[in-house]
Amino acid sequence: MAATNIKNRKHSIILGVLFCALVCYFVATLISLRTTVSAEEKSLEDLKTSYQQQLDENAELEMIIENGNEADYIEKVAREQYGYAKPDERVYYDSSAS
């Protein structure tokens, strides 16, 4: 009878350790998945923002094409993106704004 008790106790300890290991594995997996989901949600928000900006830019370009203001648009892009200016034009920059 004592041998049976010792054998049952060993099985209980082994099962307890395995159960604890299994619970730890599931908790670690859950934390890892939650971190991945959070990162993917952030990425999705960034993509949505980028998509909306692209839609706004497309709407602006369509309006320019419809109104025939290509020259104004080219001038705007040249000034804002490339820093161009007209001949004999003075451009002043506000260094305190930065």
PDB file of N, CA and C in Angstrom:
ATOM      1  N   MET A   1       0.814  -1.182   0.000  1.00  0.00           N
ATOM      2  CA  MET A   1       0.000   0.000   0.000  1.00  0.00           C
ATOM      3  C   MET A   1       0.864   1.255   0.000  1.00  0.00           C
ATOM      4  N   ALA A   2       1.960   1.243   0.713  1.00  0.00           N
ATOM      5  CA  ALA A   2       2.857   2.385   0.766  1.00  0.00           C
ATOM      6  C   ALA A   2       3.497   2.617  -0.600  1.00  0.00           C
ATOM      7  N   ALA A   3       3.779   1.539  -1.313  1.00  0.00           N
ATOM      8  CA  ALA A   3       4.376   1.666  -2.644  1.00  0.00           C
ATOM      9  C   ALA A   3       3.387   2.305  -3.605  1.00  0.00           C
ATOM     10  N   THR A   4       2.129   1.993  -3.453  1.00  0.00           N
ATOM     11  CA  THR A   4       1.094   2.570  -4.317  1.00  0.00           C
ATOM     12  C   THR A   4       0.947   4.062  -4.044  1.00  0.00           C
ATOM     13  N   ASN A   5       1.019   4.439  -2.763  1.00  0.00           N
ATOM     14  CA  ASN A   5       0.932   5.856  -2.396  1.00  0.00           C
ATOM     15  C   ASN A   5       2.092   6.652  -2.988  1.00  0.00           C
ATOM     16  N   ILE A   6       3.277   6.104  -2.903  1.00  0.00           N
ATOM     17  CA  ILE A   6       4.464   6.786  -3.432  1.00  0.00           C
ATOM     18  C   ILE A   6       4.354   6.906  -4.948  1.00  0.00           C
ATOM     19  N   LYS A   7       3.873   5.840  -5.583  1.00  0.00           N
ATOM     20  CA  LYS A   7       3.729   5.852  -7.036  1.00  0.00           C
ATOM     21  C   LYS A   7       2.678   6.891  -7.454  1.00  0.00           C
ATOM     22  N   ASN A   8       1.563   6.966  -6.757  1.00  0.00           N
ATOM     23  CA  ASN A   8       0.514   7.947  -7.066  1.00  0.00           C
ATOM     24  C   ASN A   8       1.009   9.371  -6.829  1.00  0.00           C
ATOM     25  N   ARG A   9       1.786   9.544  -5.763  1.00  0.00           N
ATOM     26  CA  ARG A   9       2.322  10.863  -5.440  1.00  0.00           C
ATOM     27  C   ARG A   9       3.289  11.322  -6.542  1.00  0.00           C
ATOM     28  N   LYS A  10       4.133  10.393  -7.055  1.00  0.00           N
ATOM     29  CA  LYS A  10       5.067  10.733  -8.129  1.00  0.00           C
ATOM     30  C   LYS A  10       4.298  11.148  -9.383  1.00  0.00           C
ATOM     31  N   HIS A  11       3.219  10.411  -9.693  1.00  0.00           N
ATOM     32  CA  HIS A  11       2.410  10.760 -10.856  1.00  0.00           C
ATOM     33  C   HIS A  11       1.734  12.111 -10.661  1.00  0.00           C
ATOM     34  N   SER A  12       1.271  12.399  -9.467  1.00  0.00           N
ATOM     35  CA  SER A  12       0.636  13.684  -9.178  1.00  0.00           C
ATOM     36  C   SER A  12       1.630  14.830  -9.338  1.00  0.00           C
ATOM     37  N   ILE A  13       2.846  14.633  -8.849  1.00  0.00           N
ATOM     38  CA  ILE A  13       3.871  15.674  -8.965  1.00  0.00           C
ATOM     39  C   ILE A  13       4.224  15.892 -10.434  1.00  0.00           C
ATOM     40  N   ILE A  14       4.391  14.817 -11.177  1.00  0.00           N
ATOM     41  CA  ILE A  14       4.726  14.922 -12.597  1.00  0.00           C
ATOM     42  C   ILE A  14       3.596  15.627 -13.348  1.00  0.00           C
ATOM     43  N   LEU A  15       2.348  15.236 -13.080  1.00  0.00           N
ATOM     44  CA  LEU A  15       1.211  15.875 -13.727  1.00  0.00           C
ATOM     45  C   LEU A  15       1.110  17.357 -13.352  1.00  0.00           C
ATOM     46  N   GLY A  16       1.388  17.673 -12.101  1.00  0.00           N
ATOM     47  CA  GLY A  16       1.363  19.073 -11.652  1.00  0.00           C
ATOM     48  C   GLY A  16       2.413  19.907 -12.359  1.00  0.00           C
ATOM     49  N   VAL A  17       3.604  19.359 -12.488  1.00  0.00           N
ATOM     50  CA  VAL A  17       4.693  20.073 -13.168  1.00  0.00           C
ATOM     51  C   VAL A  17       4.347  20.258 -14.653  1.00  0.00           C
ATOM     52  N   LEU A  18       3.836  19.210 -15.278  1.00  0.00           N
ATOM     53  CA  LEU A  18       3.441  19.315 -16.683  1.00  0.00           C
ATOM     54  C   LEU A  18       2.316  20.332 -16.868  1.00  0.00           C
ATOM     55  N   PHE A  19       1.364  20.333 -15.967  1.00  0.00           N
ATOM     56  CA  PHE A  19       0.268  21.294 -16.041  1.00  0.00           C
ATOM     57  C   PHE A  19       0.790  22.720 -15.899  1.00  0.00           C
ATOM     58  N   CYS A  20       1.690  22.945 -14.951  1.00  0.00           N
ATOM     59  CA  CYS A  20       2.278  24.290 -14.758  1.00  0.00           C
ATOM     60  C   CYS A  20       3.065  24.717 -16.001  1.00  0.00           C
ATOM     61  N   ALA A  21       3.817  23.780 -16.580  1.00  0.00           N
ATOM     62  CA  ALA A  21       4.578  24.095 -17.790  1.00  0.00           C
ATOM     63  C   ALA A  21       3.639  24.454 -18.939  1.00  0.00           C
ATOM     64  N   LEU A  22       2.555  23.710 -19.050  1.00  0.00           N
ATOM     65  CA  LEU A  22       1.577  23.965 -20.101  1.00  0.00           C
ATOM     66  C   LEU A  22       0.912  25.333 -19.913  1.00  0.00           C
ATOM     67  N   VAL A  23       0.570  25.671 -18.696  1.00  0.00           N
ATOM     68  CA  VAL A  23      -0.028  26.976 -18.407  1.00  0.00           C
ATOM     69  C   VAL A  23       0.967  28.095 -18.729  1.00  0.00           C
ATOM     70  N   CYS A  24       2.222  27.920 -18.339  1.00  0.00           N
ATOM     71  CA  CYS A  24       3.249  28.930 -18.636  1.00  0.00           C
ATOM     72  C   CYS A  24       3.416  29.108 -20.143  1.00  0.00           C
ATOM     73  N   TYR A  25       3.395  28.016 -20.879  1.00  0.00           N
ATOM     74  CA  TYR A  25       3.509  28.081 -22.336  1.00  0.00           C
ATOM     75  C   TYR A  25       2.343  28.867 -22.927  1.00  0.00           C
ATOM     76  N   PHE A  26       1.133  28.573 -22.478  1.00  0.00           N
ATOM     77  CA  PHE A  26      -0.038  29.280 -23.000  1.00  0.00           C
ATOM     78  C   PHE A  26      -0.010  30.764 -22.647  1.00  0.00           C
ATOM     79  N   VAL A  27       0.423  31.096 -21.457  1.00  0.00           N
ATOM     80  CA  VAL A  27       0.513  32.500 -21.055  1.00  0.00           C
ATOM     81  C   VAL A  27       1.556  33.221 -21.914  1.00  0.00           C
ATOM     82  N   ALA A  28       2.708  32.606 -22.115  1.00  0.00           N
ATOM     83  CA  ALA A  28       3.751  33.221 -22.938  1.00  0.00           C
ATOM     84  C   ALA A  28       3.273  33.396 -24.377  1.00  0.00           C
ATOM     85  N   THR A  29       2.567  32.402 -24.900  1.00  0.00           N
ATOM     86  CA  THR A  29       2.037  32.495 -26.254  1.00  0.00           C
ATOM     87  C   THR A  29       0.997  33.601 -26.345  1.00  0.00           C
ATOM     88  N   LEU A  30       0.142  33.708 -25.360  1.00  0.00           N
ATOM     89  CA  LEU A  30      -0.870  34.754 -25.336  1.00  0.00           C
ATOM     90  C   LEU A  30      -0.240  36.136 -25.319  1.00  0.00           C
ATOM     91  N   ILE A  31       0.778  36.332 -24.506  1.00  0.00           N
ATOM     92  CA  ILE A  31       1.468  37.620 -24.436  1.00  0.00           C
ATOM     93  C   ILE A  31       2.129  37.937 -25.773  1.00  0.00           C
ATOM     94  N   SER A  32       2.766  36.955 -26.361  1.00  0.00           N
ATOM     95  CA  SER A  32       3.424  37.145 -27.650  1.00  0.00           C
ATOM     96  C   SER A  32       2.416  37.512 -28.731  1.00  0.00           C
ATOM     97  N   LEU A  33       1.289  36.824 -28.763  1.00  0.00           N
ATOM     98  CA  LEU A  33       0.262  37.120 -29.762  1.00  0.00           C
ATOM     99  C   LEU A  33      -0.337  38.505 -29.552  1.00  0.00           C
ATOM    100  N   ARG A  34      -0.538  38.891 -28.312  1.00  0.00           N
ATOM    101  CA  ARG A  34      -1.092  40.215 -28.018  1.00  0.00           C
ATOM    102  C   ARG A  34      -0.134  41.310 -28.482  1.00  0.00           C
ATOM    103  N   THR A  35       1.160  41.098 -28.283  1.00  0.00           N
ATOM    104  CA  THR A  35       2.157  42.057 -28.748  1.00  0.00           C
ATOM    105  C   THR A  35       2.127  42.162 -30.270  1.00  0.00           C
ATOM    106  N   THR A  36       2.020  41.033 -30.932  1.00  0.00           N
ATOM    107  CA  THR A  36       1.956  41.016 -32.392  1.00  0.00           C
ATOM    108  C   THR A  36       0.700  41.721 -32.886  1.00  0.00           C
ATOM    109  N   VAL A  37      -0.420  41.478 -32.242  1.00  0.00           N
ATOM    110  CA  VAL A  37      -1.676  42.122 -32.630  1.00  0.00           C
ATOM    111  C   VAL A  37      -1.569  43.634 -32.453  1.00  0.00           C
ATOM    112  N   SER A  38      -0.978  44.077 -31.369  1.00  0.00           N
ATOM    113  CA  SER A  38      -0.825  45.522 -31.133  1.00  0.00           C
ATOM    114  C   SER A  38       0.034  46.166 -32.224  1.00  0.00           C
ATOM    115  N   ALA A  39       1.117  45.496 -32.584  1.00  0.00           N
ATOM    116  CA  ALA A  39       1.986  46.028 -33.635  1.00  0.00           C
ATOM    117  C   ALA A  39       1.254  46.073 -34.972  1.00  0.00           C
ATOM    118  N   GLU A  40       0.476  45.056 -35.271  1.00  0.00           N
ATOM    119  CA  GLU A  40      -0.267  45.028 -36.530  1.00  0.00           C
ATOM    120  C   GLU A  40      -1.372  46.081 -36.544  1.00  0.00           C
ATOM    121  N   GLU A  41      -2.001  46.340 -35.400  1.00  0.00           N
ATOM    122  CA  GLU A  41      -3.018  47.392 -35.323  1.00  0.00           C
ATOM    123  C   GLU A  41      -2.395  48.758 -35.575  1.00  0.00           C
ATOM    124  N   LYS A  42      -1.209  48.986 -35.045  1.00  0.00           N
ATOM    125  CA  LYS A  42      -0.486  50.243 -35.273  1.00  0.00           C
ATOM    126  C   LYS A  42      -0.153  50.377 -36.755  1.00  0.00           C
ATOM    127  N   SER A  43       0.309  49.299 -37.346  1.00  0.00           N
ATOM    128  CA  SER A  43       0.624  49.307 -38.773  1.00  0.00           C
ATOM    129  C   SER A  43      -0.621  49.592 -39.603  1.00  0.00           C
ATOM    130  N   LEU A  44      -1.742  49.019 -39.215  1.00  0.00           N
ATOM    131  CA  LEU A  44      -3.004  49.255 -39.919  1.00  0.00           C
ATOM    132  C   LEU A  44      -3.410  50.718 -39.836  1.00  0.00           C
ATOM    133  N   GLU A  45      -3.274  51.323 -38.674  1.00  0.00           N
ATOM    134  CA  GLU A  45      -3.607  52.746 -38.521  1.00  0.00           C
ATOM    135  C   GLU A  45      -2.708  53.610 -39.395  1.00  0.00           C
ATOM    136  N   ASP A  46      -1.414  53.277 -39.456  1.00  0.00           N
ATOM    137  CA  ASP A  46      -0.494  54.019 -40.314  1.00  0.00           C
ATOM    138  C   ASP A  46      -0.899  53.895 -41.780  1.00  0.00           C
ATOM    139  N   LEU A  47      -1.287  52.699 -42.182  1.00  0.00           N
ATOM    140  CA  LEU A  47      -1.718  52.486 -43.562  1.00  0.00           C
ATOM    141  C   LEU A  47      -3.007  53.244 -43.867  1.00  0.00           C
ATOM    142  N   LYS A  48      -3.932  53.264 -42.914  1.00  0.00           N
ATOM    143  CA  LYS A  48      -5.173  54.016 -43.119  1.00  0.00           C
ATOM    144  C   LYS A  48      -4.893  55.499 -43.285  1.00  0.00           C
ATOM    145  N   THR A  49      -3.978  56.029 -42.485  1.00  0.00           N
ATOM    146  CA  THR A  49      -3.600  57.440 -42.583  1.00  0.00           C
ATOM    147  C   THR A  49      -2.959  57.726 -43.937  1.00  0.00           C
ATOM    148  N   SER A  50      -2.049  56.866 -44.336  1.00  0.00           N
ATOM    149  CA  SER A  50      -1.391  57.024 -45.623  1.00  0.00           C
ATOM    150  C   SER A  50      -2.401  56.949 -46.767  1.00  0.00           C
ATOM    151  N   TYR A  51      -3.332  56.019 -46.662  1.00  0.00           N
ATOM    152  CA  TYR A  51      -4.371  55.862 -47.679  1.00  0.00           C
ATOM    153  C   TYR A  51      -5.224  57.123 -47.786  1.00  0.00           C
ATOM    154  N   GLN A  52      -5.610  57.687 -46.654  1.00  0.00           N
ATOM    155  CA  GLN A  52      -6.428  58.897 -46.663  1.00  0.00           C
ATOM    156  C   GLN A  52      -5.653  60.065 -47.263  1.00  0.00           C
ATOM    157  N   GLN A  53      -4.374  60.178 -46.948  1.00  0.00           N
ATOM    158  CA  GLN A  53      -3.558  61.242 -47.528  1.00  0.00           C
ATOM    159  C   GLN A  53      -3.474  61.086 -49.049  1.00  0.00           C
ATOM    160  N   GLN A  54      -3.342  59.853 -49.497  1.00  0.00           N
ATOM    161  CA  GLN A  54      -3.277  59.608 -50.938  1.00  0.00           C
ATOM    162  C   GLN A  54      -4.605  59.948 -51.608  1.00  0.00           C
ATOM    163  N   LEU A  55      -5.723  59.621 -50.964  1.00  0.00           N
ATOM    164  CA  LEU A  55      -7.030  59.989 -51.511  1.00  0.00           C
ATOM    165  C   LEU A  55      -7.183  61.500 -51.615  1.00  0.00           C
ATOM    166  N   ASP A  56      -6.721  62.218 -50.591  1.00  0.00           N
ATOM    167  CA  ASP A  56      -6.797  63.682 -50.605  1.00  0.00           C
ATOM    168  C   ASP A  56      -5.950  64.260 -51.742  1.00  0.00           C
ATOM    169  N   GLU A  57      -4.753  63.713 -51.902  1.00  0.00           N
ATOM    170  CA  GLU A  57      -3.868  64.180 -52.969  1.00  0.00           C
ATOM    171  C   GLU A  57      -4.476  63.880 -54.344  1.00  0.00           C
ATOM    172  N   ASN A  58      -5.067  62.701 -54.497  1.00  0.00           N
ATOM    173  CA  ASN A  58      -5.714  62.352 -55.763  1.00  0.00           C
ATOM    174  C   ASN A  58      -6.874  63.291 -56.073  1.00  0.00           C
ATOM    175  N   ALA A  59      -7.664  63.627 -55.050  1.00  0.00           N
ATOM    176  CA  ALA A  59      -8.784  64.549 -55.243  1.00  0.00           C
ATOM    177  C   ALA A  59      -8.276  65.922 -55.678  1.00  0.00           C
ATOM    178  N   GLU A  60      -7.191  66.361 -55.066  1.00  0.00           N
ATOM    179  CA  GLU A  60      -6.608  67.655 -55.436  1.00  0.00           C
ATOM    180  C   GLU A  60      -6.110  67.627 -56.879  1.00  0.00           C
ATOM    181  N   LEU A  61      -5.443  66.538 -57.264  1.00  0.00           N
ATOM    182  CA  LEU A  61      -4.937  66.428 -58.631  1.00  0.00           C
ATOM    183  C   LEU A  61      -6.078  66.353 -59.649  1.00  0.00           C
ATOM    184  N   GLU A  62      -7.139  65.662 -59.321  1.00  0.00           N
ATOM    185  CA  GLU A  62      -8.298  65.596 -60.222  1.00  0.00           C
ATOM    186  C   GLU A  62      -8.934  66.971 -60.397  1.00  0.00           C
ATOM    187  N   MET A  63      -9.007  67.723 -59.308  1.00  0.00           N
ATOM    188  CA  MET A  63      -9.563  69.064 -59.378  1.00  0.00           C
ATOM    189  C   MET A  63      -8.682  69.959 -60.255  1.00  0.00           C
ATOM    190  N   ILE A  64      -7.392  69.820 -60.129  1.00  0.00           N
ATOM    191  CA  ILE A  64      -6.462  70.620 -60.942  1.00  0.00           C
ATOM    192  C   ILE A  64      -6.621  70.270 -62.418  1.00  0.00           C
ATOM    193  N   ILE A  65      -6.750  68.993 -62.709  1.00  0.00           N
ATOM    194  CA  ILE A  65      -6.916  68.564 -64.102  1.00  0.00           C
ATOM    195  C   ILE A  65      -8.230  69.087 -64.666  1.00  0.00           C
ATOM    196  N   GLU A  66      -9.296  68.996 -63.879  1.00  0.00           N
ATOM    197  CA  GLU A  66     -10.607  69.455 -64.354  1.00  0.00           C
ATOM    198  C   GLU A  66     -10.651  70.961 -64.580  1.00  0.00           C
ATOM    199  N   ASN A  67      -9.978  71.719 -63.734  1.00  0.00           N
ATOM    200  CA  ASN A  67     -10.009  73.179 -63.837  1.00  0.00           C
ATOM    201  C   ASN A  67      -8.962  73.725 -64.796  1.00  0.00           C
ATOM    202  N   GLY A  68      -8.024  72.896 -65.207  1.00  0.00           N
ATOM    203  CA  GLY A  68      -6.995  73.344 -66.146  1.00  0.00           C
ATOM    204  C   GLY A  68      -5.935  74.218 -65.508  1.00  0.00           C
ATOM    205  N   ASN A  69      -5.644  74.025 -64.227  1.00  0.00           N
ATOM    206  CA  ASN A  69      -4.650  74.823 -63.505  1.00  0.00           C
ATOM    207  C   ASN A  69      -3.322  74.089 -63.373  1.00  0.00           C
ATOM    208  N   GLU A  70      -2.911  73.432 -64.446  1.00  0.00           N
ATOM    209  CA  GLU A  70      -1.668  72.665 -64.359  1.00  0.00           C
ATOM    210  C   GLU A  70      -0.465  73.555 -64.064  1.00  0.00           C
ATOM    211  N   ALA A  71      -0.458  74.733 -64.646  1.00  0.00           N
ATOM    212  CA  ALA A  71       0.678  75.648 -64.443  1.00  0.00           C
ATOM    213  C   ALA A  71       0.780  76.061 -62.978  1.00  0.00           C
ATOM    214  N   ASP A  72      -0.349  76.340 -62.357  1.00  0.00           N
ATOM    215  CA  ASP A  72      -0.344  76.705 -60.933  1.00  0.00           C
ATOM    216  C   ASP A  72       0.156  75.537 -60.077  1.00  0.00           C
ATOM    217  N   TYR A  73      -0.270  74.332 -60.437  1.00  0.00           N
ATOM    218  CA  TYR A  73       0.160  73.156 -59.680  1.00  0.00           C
ATOM    219  C   TYR A  73       1.659  72.924 -59.851  1.00  0.00           C
ATOM    220  N   ILE A  74       2.155  73.068 -61.062  1.00  0.00           N
ATOM    221  CA  ILE A  74       3.589  72.877 -61.315  1.00  0.00           C
ATOM    222  C   ILE A  74       4.392  73.909 -60.536  1.00  0.00           C
ATOM    223  N   GLU A  75       3.911  75.140 -60.495  1.00  0.00           N
ATOM    224  CA  GLU A  75       4.598  76.180 -59.732  1.00  0.00           C
ATOM    225  C   GLU A  75       4.591  75.854 -58.239  1.00  0.00           C
ATOM    226  N   LYS A  76       3.464  75.387 -57.732  1.00  0.00           N
ATOM    227  CA  LYS A  76       3.355  75.026 -56.310  1.00  0.00           C
ATOM    228  C   LYS A  76       4.331  73.906 -55.957  1.00  0.00           C
ATOM    229  N   VAL A  77       4.393  72.880 -56.789  1.00  0.00           N
ATOM    230  CA  VAL A  77       5.308  71.755 -56.534  1.00  0.00           C
ATOM    231  C   VAL A  77       6.756  72.219 -56.607  1.00  0.00           C
ATOM    232  N   ALA A  78       7.056  73.040 -57.594  1.00  0.00           N
ATOM    233  CA  ALA A  78       8.424  73.530 -57.739  1.00  0.00           C
ATOM    234  C   ALA A  78       8.850  74.346 -56.518  1.00  0.00           C
ATOM    235  N   ARG A  79       7.939  75.146 -55.993  1.00  0.00           N
ATOM    236  CA  ARG A  79       8.276  75.961 -54.821  1.00  0.00           C
ATOM    237  C   ARG A  79       8.383  75.120 -53.545  1.00  0.00           C
ATOM    238  N   GLU A  80       7.379  74.259 -53.310  1.00  0.00           N
ATOM    239  CA  GLU A  80       7.311  73.535 -52.039  1.00  0.00           C
ATOM    240  C   GLU A  80       8.290  72.365 -51.958  1.00  0.00           C
ATOM    241  N   GLN A  81       8.400  71.596 -53.027  1.00  0.00           N
ATOM    242  CA  GLN A  81       9.219  70.385 -52.949  1.00  0.00           C
ATOM    243  C   GLN A  81      10.671  70.619 -53.352  1.00  0.00           C
ATOM    244  N   TYR A  82      10.885  71.528 -54.299  1.00  0.00           N
ATOM    245  CA  TYR A  82      12.238  71.696 -54.814  1.00  0.00           C
ATOM    246  C   TYR A  82      12.877  73.018 -54.435  1.00  0.00           C
ATOM    247  N   GLY A  83      12.109  73.913 -53.820  1.00  0.00           N
ATOM    248  CA  GLY A  83      12.666  75.174 -53.356  1.00  0.00           C
ATOM    249  C   GLY A  83      12.971  76.162 -54.476  1.00  0.00           C
ATOM    250  N   TYR A  84      12.356  76.004 -55.636  1.00  0.00           N
ATOM    251  CA  TYR A  84      12.589  76.908 -56.753  1.00  0.00           C
ATOM    252  C   TYR A  84      11.898  78.243 -56.516  1.00  0.00           C
ATOM    253  N   ALA A  85      12.391  79.245 -57.218  1.00  0.00           N
ATOM    254  CA  ALA A  85      11.786  80.574 -57.184  1.00  0.00           C
ATOM    255  C   ALA A  85      11.870  81.165 -58.579  1.00  0.00           C
ATOM    256  N   LYS A  86      11.061  82.187 -58.827  1.00  0.00           N
ATOM    257  CA  LYS A  86      11.091  82.863 -60.123  1.00  0.00           C
ATOM    258  C   LYS A  86      12.354  83.710 -60.220  1.00  0.00           C
ATOM    259  N   PRO A  87      12.788  83.984 -61.433  1.00  0.00           N
ATOM    260  CA  PRO A  87      13.959  84.866 -61.583  1.00  0.00           C
ATOM    261  C   PRO A  87      13.683  86.222 -60.930  1.00  0.00           C
ATOM    262  N   ASP A  88      14.681  86.777 -60.305  1.00  0.00           N
ATOM    263  CA  ASP A  88      14.616  88.080 -59.615  1.00  0.00           C
ATOM    264  C   ASP A  88      13.643  88.070 -58.439  1.00  0.00           C
ATOM    265  N   GLU A  89      13.256  86.914 -57.954  1.00  0.00           N
ATOM    266  CA  GLU A  89      12.371  86.841 -56.796  1.00  0.00           C
ATOM    267  C   GLU A  89      13.226  86.571 -55.556  1.00  0.00           C
ATOM    268  N   ARG A  90      12.920  87.267 -54.485  1.00  0.00           N
ATOM    269  CA  ARG A  90      13.646  87.050 -53.232  1.00  0.00           C
ATOM    270  C   ARG A  90      12.790  86.177 -52.324  1.00  0.00           C
ATOM    271  N   VAL A  91      13.414  85.141 -51.804  1.00  0.00           N
ATOM    272  CA  VAL A  91      12.704  84.227 -50.909  1.00  0.00           C
ATOM    273  C   VAL A  91      13.299  84.383 -49.523  1.00  0.00           C
ATOM    274  N   TYR A  92      12.436  84.619 -48.553  1.00  0.00           N
ATOM    275  CA  TYR A  92      12.865  84.788 -47.165  1.00  0.00           C
ATOM    276  C   TYR A  92      12.376  83.588 -46.362  1.00  0.00           C
ATOM    277  N   TYR A  93      13.254  83.096 -45.489  1.00  0.00           N
ATOM    278  CA  TYR A  93      12.910  81.978 -44.632  1.00  0.00           C
ATOM    279  C   TYR A  93      12.922  82.438 -43.191  1.00  0.00           C
ATOM    280  N   ASP A  94      11.936  82.018 -42.448  1.00  0.00           N
ATOM    281  CA  ASP A  94      11.837  82.348 -41.027  1.00  0.00           C
ATOM    282  C   ASP A  94      12.596  81.289 -40.248  1.00  0.00           C
ATOM    283  N   SER A  95      13.771  81.630 -39.796  1.00  0.00           N
ATOM    284  CA  SER A  95      14.610  80.649 -39.088  1.00  0.00           C
ATOM    285  C   SER A  95      14.120  80.397 -37.662  1.00  0.00           C
ATOM    286  N   SER A  96      13.298  81.267 -37.119  1.00  0.00           N
ATOM    287  CA  SER A  96      12.801  81.070 -35.755  1.00  0.00           C
ATOM    288  C   SER A  96      11.631  80.101 -35.733  1.00  0.00           C
ATOM    289  N   ALA A  97      11.054  79.757 -36.886  1.00  0.00           N
ATOM    290  CA  ALA A  97       9.907  78.862 -36.952  1.00  0.00           C
ATOM    291  C   ALA A  97      10.315  77.411 -36.714  1.00  0.00           C
ATOM    292  N   SER A  98      11.556  77.076 -36.927  1.00  0.00           N
ATOM    293  CA  SER A  98      12.007  75.683 -36.802  1.00  0.00           C
ATOM    294  C   SER A  98      12.155  75.240 -35.396  1.00  0.00           C
TER     295      SER A  98
END
